[in-house]
């Protein structure tokens, strides 16, 4: 696809899906999350991908926890998971 065709494709897609994307953006930004603790955001993204036929992997299926630099403490993770359980049905 050349640049003009790509620009047109993106513009058409944004016009068709803009309202839905705005809704997703608002849902994500309604519950800000710290790095490595994006449970709400990840659940929204995973649901949308599954809705469109993608196979979604997560957690230790995707990431080796021992090499995840910059992760918060175990207590912070536990608190974030507890909070996420109130937002994300699959977390319970």
C-alpha atoms as a PDB file:
ATOM      1  CA  UNK A   1       0.000   0.000   0.000  1.00  0.00           C
ATOM      2  CA  UNK A   2       1.378   3.419  -0.873  1.00  0.00           C
ATOM      3  CA  UNK A   3       1.229   6.320   1.587  1.00  0.00           C
ATOM      4  CA  UNK A   4      -1.856   7.919   0.026  1.00  0.00           C
ATOM      5  CA  UNK A   5      -3.744   4.623   0.024  1.00  0.00           C
ATOM      6  CA  UNK A   6      -2.657   3.933   3.604  1.00  0.00           C
ATOM      7  CA  UNK A   7      -3.725   7.415   4.723  1.00  0.00           C
ATOM      8  CA  UNK A   8      -7.120   6.919   3.091  1.00  0.00           C
ATOM      9  CA  UNK A   9      -7.492   3.455   4.660  1.00  0.00           C
ATOM     10  CA  UNK A  10      -6.651   4.798   8.139  1.00  0.00           C
ATOM     11  CA  UNK A  11      -9.010   7.761   7.715  1.00  0.00           C
ATOM     12  CA  UNK A  12     -11.847   5.474   6.564  1.00  0.00           C
ATOM     13  CA  UNK A  13     -11.213   3.088   9.451  1.00  0.00           C
ATOM     14  CA  UNK A  14     -11.165   5.943  11.962  1.00  0.00           C
ATOM     15  CA  UNK A  15     -14.429   7.287  10.565  1.00  0.00           C
ATOM     16  CA  UNK A  16     -16.114   3.875  10.811  1.00  0.00           C
ATOM     17  CA  UNK A  17     -14.703   2.901  14.220  1.00  0.00           C
ATOM     18  CA  UNK A  18     -13.951   6.281  15.816  1.00  0.00           C
ATOM     19  CA  UNK A  19     -16.863   6.277  18.262  1.00  0.00           C
ATOM     20  CA  UNK A  20     -16.065   2.728  19.416  1.00  0.00           C
ATOM     21  CA  UNK A  21     -12.388   3.586  19.874  1.00  0.00           C
ATOM     22  CA  UNK A  22     -13.287   6.711  21.808  1.00  0.00           C
ATOM     23  CA  UNK A  23     -15.417   4.576  24.113  1.00  0.00           C
ATOM     24  CA  UNK A  24     -12.492   2.179  24.677  1.00  0.00           C
ATOM     25  CA  UNK A  25     -10.129   5.089  25.326  1.00  0.00           C
ATOM     26  CA  UNK A  26     -12.525   6.548  27.893  1.00  0.00           C
ATOM     27  CA  UNK A  27     -12.914   3.172  29.651  1.00  0.00           C
ATOM     28  CA  UNK A  28      -9.140   2.725  29.858  1.00  0.00           C
ATOM     29  CA  UNK A  29      -8.465   6.256  31.084  1.00  0.00           C
ATOM     30  CA  UNK A  30     -11.252   6.047  33.677  1.00  0.00           C
ATOM     31  CA  UNK A  31      -9.053   3.731  35.764  1.00  0.00           C
ATOM     32  CA  UNK A  32      -5.383   4.788  35.536  1.00  0.00           C
ATOM     33  CA  UNK A  33      -2.929   2.020  36.431  1.00  0.00           C
ATOM     34  CA  UNK A  34       0.766   1.895  37.290  1.00  0.00           C
ATOM     35  CA  UNK A  35       3.310   0.143  35.088  1.00  0.00           C
ATOM     36  CA  UNK A  36       3.236  -3.670  35.350  1.00  0.00           C
ATOM     37  CA  UNK A  37      -0.158  -3.376  37.053  1.00  0.00           C
ATOM     38  CA  UNK A  38      -2.343  -2.690  33.997  1.00  0.00           C
ATOM     39  CA  UNK A  39      -4.951  -5.359  34.701  1.00  0.00           C
ATOM     40  CA  UNK A  40      -7.979  -3.315  33.649  1.00  0.00           C
ATOM     41  CA  UNK A  41      -6.338  -2.056  30.461  1.00  0.00           C
ATOM     42  CA  UNK A  42      -5.044  -5.512  29.563  1.00  0.00           C
ATOM     43  CA  UNK A  43      -8.453  -7.096  30.097  1.00  0.00           C
ATOM     44  CA  UNK A  44     -10.066  -4.578  27.729  1.00  0.00           C
ATOM     45  CA  UNK A  45      -7.383  -5.128  25.088  1.00  0.00           C
ATOM     46  CA  UNK A  46      -7.610  -8.916  25.425  1.00  0.00           C
ATOM     47  CA  UNK A  47     -11.409  -8.889  25.126  1.00  0.00           C
ATOM     48  CA  UNK A  48     -11.240  -6.765  21.973  1.00  0.00           C
ATOM     49  CA  UNK A  49      -8.601  -8.998  20.419  1.00  0.00           C
ATOM     50  CA  UNK A  50     -10.580 -12.159  21.233  1.00  0.00           C
ATOM     51  CA  UNK A  51     -13.689 -10.509  19.795  1.00  0.00           C
ATOM     52  CA  UNK A  52     -11.807 -10.197  16.501  1.00  0.00           C
ATOM     53  CA  UNK A  53     -10.609 -13.795  16.485  1.00  0.00           C
ATOM     54  CA  UNK A  54      -7.135 -13.425  17.993  1.00  0.00           C
ATOM     55  CA  UNK A  55      -5.755 -15.956  20.451  1.00  0.00           C
ATOM     56  CA  UNK A  56      -4.589 -14.022  23.503  1.00  0.00           C
ATOM     57  CA  UNK A  57      -1.858 -15.203  25.849  1.00  0.00           C
ATOM     58  CA  UNK A  58      -1.129 -13.582  29.184  1.00  0.00           C
ATOM     59  CA  UNK A  59       0.725 -13.888  32.470  1.00  0.00           C
ATOM     60  CA  UNK A  60       3.454 -16.516  32.799  1.00  0.00           C
ATOM     61  CA  UNK A  61       2.283 -17.955  29.468  1.00  0.00           C
ATOM     62  CA  UNK A  62       3.750 -14.828  27.908  1.00  0.00           C
ATOM     63  CA  UNK A  63       6.315 -13.387  30.324  1.00  0.00           C
ATOM     64  CA  UNK A  64       8.985 -14.935  32.502  1.00  0.00           C
ATOM     65  CA  UNK A  65       8.462 -13.125  35.842  1.00  0.00           C
ATOM     66  CA  UNK A  66      12.085 -13.516  36.957  1.00  0.00           C
ATOM     67  CA  UNK A  67      13.312 -11.295  34.104  1.00  0.00           C
ATOM     68  CA  UNK A  68      10.634  -8.602  34.331  1.00  0.00           C
ATOM     69  CA  UNK A  69      12.783  -5.683  35.477  1.00  0.00           C
ATOM     70  CA  UNK A  70      11.141  -2.727  37.182  1.00  0.00           C
ATOM     71  CA  UNK A  71       8.209  -4.657  38.579  1.00  0.00           C
ATOM     72  CA  UNK A  72       6.597  -3.364  41.766  1.00  0.00           C
ATOM     73  CA  UNK A  73       6.797  -5.172  45.094  1.00  0.00           C
ATOM     74  CA  UNK A  74       4.731  -8.297  45.780  1.00  0.00           C
ATOM     75  CA  UNK A  75       2.548  -6.221  48.121  1.00  0.00           C
ATOM     76  CA  UNK A  76       1.852  -3.615  45.421  1.00  0.00           C
ATOM     77  CA  UNK A  77       1.005  -6.373  42.941  1.00  0.00           C
ATOM     78  CA  UNK A  78      -1.342  -8.023  45.461  1.00  0.00           C
ATOM     79  CA  UNK A  79      -3.112  -4.693  46.131  1.00  0.00           C
ATOM     80  CA  UNK A  80      -3.481  -3.995  42.404  1.00  0.00           C
ATOM     81  CA  UNK A  81      -4.841  -7.504  41.732  1.00  0.00           C
ATOM     82  CA  UNK A  82      -7.323  -7.090  44.574  1.00  0.00           C
ATOM     83  CA  UNK A  83      -8.512  -3.767  43.119  1.00  0.00           C
ATOM     84  CA  UNK A  84      -8.632  -5.226  39.593  1.00  0.00           C
ATOM     85  CA  UNK A  85     -10.902  -8.021  40.801  1.00  0.00           C
ATOM     86  CA  UNK A  86     -13.569  -5.360  41.346  1.00  0.00           C
ATOM     87  CA  UNK A  87     -13.224  -4.197  37.718  1.00  0.00           C
ATOM     88  CA  UNK A  88     -12.349  -7.352  35.823  1.00  0.00           C
ATOM     89  CA  UNK A  89     -14.696 -10.332  36.263  1.00  0.00           C
ATOM     90  CA  UNK A  90     -12.060 -12.853  35.122  1.00  0.00           C
ATOM     91  CA  UNK A  91      -9.715 -11.773  37.947  1.00  0.00           C
ATOM     92  CA  UNK A  92     -11.893 -13.404  40.643  1.00  0.00           C
END
